[in-house]
N, C-alpha and C. Protein backbone atom coordinates (compact mmCIF):
# COMPACT_ATOMS: atom_id res chain seq x y z
N MET A 1 171.99 52.27 81.81
CA MET A 1 173.29 52.27 81.18
C MET A 1 173.67 53.70 80.77
N LYS A 2 174.88 54.08 81.10
CA LYS A 2 175.35 55.42 80.76
C LYS A 2 175.84 55.45 79.32
N THR A 3 175.47 56.51 78.63
CA THR A 3 175.94 56.70 77.27
C THR A 3 177.32 57.35 77.30
N PRO A 4 178.07 57.24 76.21
CA PRO A 4 179.38 57.92 76.17
C PRO A 4 179.25 59.42 76.39
N GLN A 5 178.18 60.04 75.88
CA GLN A 5 177.98 61.48 76.07
C GLN A 5 177.76 61.79 77.54
N ARG A 6 176.97 60.96 78.22
CA ARG A 6 176.68 61.16 79.64
C ARG A 6 177.96 61.05 80.45
N THR A 7 178.79 60.08 80.11
CA THR A 7 180.06 59.89 80.80
C THR A 7 180.95 61.11 80.63
N GLU A 8 180.99 61.68 79.45
CA GLU A 8 181.81 62.87 79.20
C GLU A 8 181.30 64.07 79.99
N ILE A 9 180.00 64.23 80.08
CA ILE A 9 179.43 65.32 80.87
C ILE A 9 179.82 65.15 82.33
N ASP A 10 179.72 63.93 82.85
CA ASP A 10 180.10 63.66 84.23
C ASP A 10 181.57 63.98 84.46
N LYS A 11 182.42 63.62 83.51
CA LYS A 11 183.85 63.91 83.63
C LYS A 11 184.10 65.42 83.68
N ARG A 12 183.38 66.17 82.84
CA ARG A 12 183.55 67.62 82.85
C ARG A 12 182.99 68.23 84.13
N PHE A 13 181.92 67.66 84.68
CA PHE A 13 181.38 68.13 85.96
C PHE A 13 182.44 67.98 87.04
N LEU A 14 183.11 66.83 87.07
CA LEU A 14 184.18 66.60 88.05
C LEU A 14 185.38 67.51 87.79
N LYS A 15 185.69 67.72 86.52
CA LYS A 15 186.79 68.63 86.17
C LYS A 15 186.46 70.05 86.62
N ALA A 16 185.18 70.41 86.55
CA ALA A 16 184.76 71.74 87.00
C ALA A 16 185.12 71.93 88.47
N TYR A 17 184.93 70.89 89.28
CA TYR A 17 185.32 71.01 90.69
C TYR A 17 186.80 71.33 90.80
N ARG A 18 187.64 70.59 90.08
CA ARG A 18 189.09 70.80 90.15
C ARG A 18 189.48 72.20 89.68
N LEU A 19 188.84 72.68 88.62
CA LEU A 19 189.15 74.02 88.11
C LEU A 19 188.68 75.10 89.08
N LEU A 20 187.51 74.93 89.65
CA LEU A 20 187.01 75.90 90.62
C LEU A 20 187.86 75.89 91.89
N TYR A 21 188.34 74.73 92.28
CA TYR A 21 189.24 74.62 93.43
C TYR A 21 190.55 75.36 93.13
N ALA A 22 191.08 75.15 91.94
CA ALA A 22 192.33 75.81 91.55
C ALA A 22 192.15 77.33 91.49
N ASP A 23 190.97 77.78 91.10
CA ASP A 23 190.67 79.22 91.04
C ASP A 23 190.23 79.77 92.39
N GLU A 24 190.25 78.92 93.41
CA GLU A 24 189.87 79.28 94.78
C GLU A 24 188.44 79.78 94.90
N LYS A 25 187.55 79.22 94.07
CA LYS A 25 186.14 79.55 94.14
C LYS A 25 185.40 78.59 95.06
N VAL A 26 186.00 77.43 95.32
CA VAL A 26 185.52 76.49 96.34
C VAL A 26 186.73 76.03 97.14
N GLN A 27 186.51 75.76 98.41
CA GLN A 27 187.61 75.34 99.28
C GLN A 27 187.64 73.83 99.48
N MET A 28 186.45 73.22 99.52
CA MET A 28 186.37 71.78 99.78
C MET A 28 185.31 71.16 98.88
N LYS A 29 185.39 69.85 98.70
CA LYS A 29 184.38 69.14 97.92
C LYS A 29 183.00 69.38 98.49
N LYS A 30 182.91 69.44 99.81
CA LYS A 30 181.61 69.66 100.44
C LYS A 30 181.00 70.98 99.99
N ASP A 31 181.80 72.04 99.87
CA ASP A 31 181.31 73.34 99.40
C ASP A 31 180.76 73.22 97.98
N PHE A 32 181.50 72.53 97.13
CA PHE A 32 181.09 72.32 95.75
C PHE A 32 179.78 71.54 95.71
N CYS A 33 179.69 70.49 96.50
CA CYS A 33 178.49 69.66 96.53
C CYS A 33 177.28 70.44 97.00
N VAL A 34 177.44 71.20 98.06
CA VAL A 34 176.32 72.00 98.57
C VAL A 34 175.86 72.99 97.51
N ALA A 35 176.79 73.66 96.86
CA ALA A 35 176.46 74.67 95.85
C ALA A 35 175.76 74.06 94.63
N THR A 36 176.14 72.86 94.26
CA THR A 36 175.57 72.24 93.06
C THR A 36 174.39 71.34 93.37
N GLY A 37 174.13 71.09 94.65
CA GLY A 37 173.01 70.23 95.02
C GLY A 37 173.32 68.75 94.97
N LEU A 38 174.60 68.41 94.85
CA LEU A 38 175.01 67.01 94.87
C LEU A 38 175.23 66.61 96.32
N GLN A 39 174.68 65.48 96.70
CA GLN A 39 174.89 65.01 98.06
C GLN A 39 176.38 64.73 98.25
N PRO A 40 177.00 65.30 99.29
CA PRO A 40 178.45 65.12 99.48
C PRO A 40 178.88 63.64 99.49
N GLN A 41 178.07 62.78 100.05
CA GLN A 41 178.44 61.35 100.08
C GLN A 41 178.38 60.71 98.69
N ASN A 42 177.77 61.39 97.72
CA ASN A 42 177.68 60.83 96.37
C ASN A 42 178.83 61.27 95.46
N PHE A 43 179.68 62.17 95.94
CA PHE A 43 180.79 62.65 95.11
C PHE A 43 181.69 61.50 94.68
N SER A 44 182.04 60.62 95.59
CA SER A 44 182.93 59.50 95.23
C SER A 44 182.23 58.53 94.28
N MET A 45 180.92 58.38 94.41
CA MET A 45 180.17 57.53 93.47
C MET A 45 180.23 58.11 92.07
N LEU A 46 180.17 59.42 91.97
CA LEU A 46 180.29 60.09 90.68
C LEU A 46 181.69 59.88 90.11
N GLU A 47 182.70 59.99 90.97
CA GLU A 47 184.09 59.76 90.52
C GLU A 47 184.29 58.34 90.01
N ARG A 48 183.66 57.37 90.64
CA ARG A 48 183.79 55.97 90.21
C ARG A 48 182.95 55.64 88.99
N GLY A 49 182.04 56.52 88.63
CA GLY A 49 181.17 56.25 87.49
C GLY A 49 179.91 55.51 87.86
N ASP A 50 179.64 55.39 89.16
CA ASP A 50 178.45 54.68 89.63
C ASP A 50 177.22 55.57 89.68
N LEU A 51 177.40 56.85 89.43
CA LEU A 51 176.33 57.82 89.54
C LEU A 51 176.58 58.92 88.52
N SER A 52 175.52 59.52 88.02
CA SER A 52 175.64 60.66 87.11
C SER A 52 175.12 61.91 87.80
N CYS A 53 175.68 63.04 87.42
CA CYS A 53 175.14 64.30 87.92
C CYS A 53 173.79 64.53 87.25
N THR A 54 172.95 65.30 87.90
CA THR A 54 171.62 65.57 87.38
C THR A 54 171.61 66.89 86.61
N VAL A 55 170.53 67.11 85.90
CA VAL A 55 170.37 68.39 85.22
C VAL A 55 170.37 69.52 86.24
N ASP A 56 169.75 69.29 87.39
CA ASP A 56 169.76 70.30 88.45
C ASP A 56 171.18 70.60 88.93
N ASN A 57 172.01 69.56 89.08
CA ASN A 57 173.40 69.76 89.48
C ASN A 57 174.13 70.64 88.46
N ILE A 58 173.91 70.35 87.19
CA ILE A 58 174.56 71.11 86.12
C ILE A 58 174.05 72.54 86.09
N TYR A 59 172.76 72.71 86.23
CA TYR A 59 172.16 74.06 86.26
C TYR A 59 172.78 74.88 87.40
N ASN A 60 172.85 74.28 88.59
CA ASN A 60 173.44 74.98 89.74
C ASN A 60 174.90 75.31 89.50
N LEU A 61 175.64 74.39 88.92
CA LEU A 61 177.05 74.64 88.61
C LEU A 61 177.19 75.85 87.69
N CYS A 62 176.39 75.87 86.66
CA CYS A 62 176.50 76.95 85.67
C CYS A 62 176.03 78.29 86.23
N THR A 63 174.94 78.30 86.99
CA THR A 63 174.42 79.57 87.49
C THR A 63 175.20 80.10 88.69
N LYS A 64 175.64 79.24 89.57
CA LYS A 64 176.32 79.70 90.79
C LYS A 64 177.79 80.03 90.57
N PHE A 65 178.41 79.37 89.59
CA PHE A 65 179.84 79.59 89.37
C PHE A 65 180.16 80.20 88.00
N GLY A 66 179.14 80.42 87.18
CA GLY A 66 179.37 81.02 85.87
C GLY A 66 180.04 80.10 84.87
N VAL A 67 179.87 78.79 85.05
CA VAL A 67 180.46 77.83 84.12
C VAL A 67 179.61 77.81 82.85
N SER A 68 180.27 77.70 81.73
CA SER A 68 179.60 77.70 80.43
C SER A 68 178.82 76.41 80.21
N ILE A 69 177.56 76.55 79.82
CA ILE A 69 176.74 75.38 79.48
C ILE A 69 177.33 74.67 78.27
N GLU A 70 177.83 75.44 77.32
CA GLU A 70 178.46 74.88 76.11
C GLU A 70 179.65 74.00 76.50
N TRP A 71 180.43 74.46 77.46
CA TRP A 71 181.59 73.69 77.91
C TRP A 71 181.16 72.41 78.62
N ILE A 72 180.21 72.52 79.53
CA ILE A 72 179.83 71.35 80.32
C ILE A 72 179.15 70.29 79.45
N PHE A 73 178.30 70.69 78.52
CA PHE A 73 177.58 69.71 77.71
C PHE A 73 178.38 69.20 76.52
N PHE A 74 179.15 70.08 75.89
CA PHE A 74 179.81 69.70 74.64
C PHE A 74 181.33 69.76 74.68
N GLY A 75 181.91 70.31 75.74
CA GLY A 75 183.35 70.41 75.83
C GLY A 75 183.94 71.45 74.91
N ARG A 76 183.12 72.40 74.48
CA ARG A 76 183.59 73.45 73.56
C ARG A 76 183.58 74.81 74.26
N GLY A 77 184.47 75.66 73.80
CA GLY A 77 184.51 77.02 74.32
C GLY A 77 185.25 77.13 75.63
N ASP A 78 185.11 78.28 76.24
CA ASP A 78 185.78 78.58 77.50
C ASP A 78 185.04 77.92 78.66
N PHE A 79 185.76 77.67 79.72
CA PHE A 79 185.19 77.09 80.94
C PHE A 79 184.14 78.03 81.54
N TYR A 80 184.50 79.29 81.66
CA TYR A 80 183.57 80.28 82.21
C TYR A 80 182.74 80.86 81.08
N ALA A 81 181.46 81.07 81.36
CA ALA A 81 180.56 81.68 80.38
C ALA A 81 180.97 83.12 80.15
N GLN A 82 180.81 83.57 78.95
CA GLN A 82 181.11 84.96 78.61
C GLN A 82 179.86 85.79 78.84
N ASP A 83 180.02 86.94 79.46
CA ASP A 83 178.86 87.81 79.71
C ASP A 83 178.41 88.53 78.47
């Protein structure tokens, strides 16, 4: 069973794709999936709430795209990590 916190993290993970797409840092969902280690066929399962992203997916998102860990886990601060 997914907790409310887990659901919010998953929502922010999906929002990260949309923001990175808008910033032209990824061109397609497949690019995002490959970079984060999410199986491309599982993206829609994540959107439906049938699957959660893993810690590895989140780690890859933050390290490869500079997304803030604080933002992804808690929804606080800026989307991009500050150097």
